[in-house]
Amino acid sequence: MAKIKSTGTVDVELTLAELELIRRALGLVRDFGDMADWDPATALRADLEVAW
């Protein structure tokens, strides 16, 4: 598993199918993930919805 050592802006090209899988996975964090990940996952999902 990768460990994030710093944060920044990253441009990544995804197909619509890949983006949908990521969006769905982020939605599952609330049910199956750690509580510490809930807010960041929700924020990232919201960012992806805007970009969609």
Protein backbone atom coordinates (compact mmCIF):
# COMPACT_ATOMS: atom_id res chain seq x y z
CA MET A 1 0.00 0.00 0.00
CA ALA A 2 1.25 3.47 -0.86
CA LYS A 3 1.91 6.01 1.86
CA ILE A 4 1.19 9.67 1.14
CA LYS A 5 4.12 11.81 2.27
CA SER A 6 2.92 15.14 0.93
CA THR A 7 -0.08 16.57 -0.86
CA GLY A 8 -0.52 18.64 -3.96
CA THR A 9 -2.45 18.92 -7.18
CA VAL A 10 -2.26 16.01 -9.59
CA ASP A 11 -3.73 15.75 -13.09
CA VAL A 12 -4.84 12.23 -13.99
CA GLU A 13 -6.66 11.11 -17.11
CA LEU A 14 -9.47 8.63 -16.45
CA THR A 15 -12.15 7.05 -18.57
CA LEU A 16 -15.73 7.67 -17.51
CA ALA A 17 -15.95 4.05 -16.35
CA GLU A 18 -12.87 4.46 -14.14
CA LEU A 19 -14.21 7.69 -12.71
CA GLU A 20 -17.52 6.01 -11.90
CA LEU A 21 -15.73 3.17 -10.07
CA ILE A 22 -13.78 5.67 -7.98
CA ARG A 23 -16.95 7.61 -7.21
CA ARG A 24 -18.72 4.43 -6.08
CA ALA A 25 -15.77 3.34 -3.94
CA LEU A 26 -15.68 6.71 -2.20
CA GLY A 27 -19.37 6.30 -1.44
CA LEU A 28 -18.62 3.02 0.37
CA VAL A 29 -16.13 4.64 2.75
CA ARG A 30 -18.97 5.81 5.02
CA ASP A 31 -20.19 2.21 5.43
CA PHE A 32 -16.95 0.26 5.48
CA GLY A 33 -14.08 2.72 6.04
CA ASP A 34 -12.47 4.25 9.08
CA MET A 35 -14.21 7.26 10.60
CA ALA A 36 -11.08 9.35 9.99
CA ASP A 37 -11.55 8.80 6.25
CA TRP A 38 -15.22 9.83 6.07
CA ASP A 39 -14.77 13.57 5.62
CA PRO A 40 -11.85 13.38 3.15
CA ALA A 41 -13.71 10.78 1.07
CA THR A 42 -16.85 12.91 1.05
CA ALA A 43 -14.86 15.98 0.01
CA LEU A 44 -13.07 14.12 -2.78
CA ARG A 45 -16.34 12.65 -4.04
CA ALA A 46 -17.85 16.15 -4.10
CA ASP A 47 -14.84 17.42 -6.08
CA LEU A 48 -15.28 14.59 -8.58
CA GLU A 49 -18.99 15.38 -8.92
CA VAL A 50 -18.14 18.97 -9.86
CA ALA A 51 -15.59 17.79 -12.42
CA TRP A 52 -18.03 15.24 -13.84
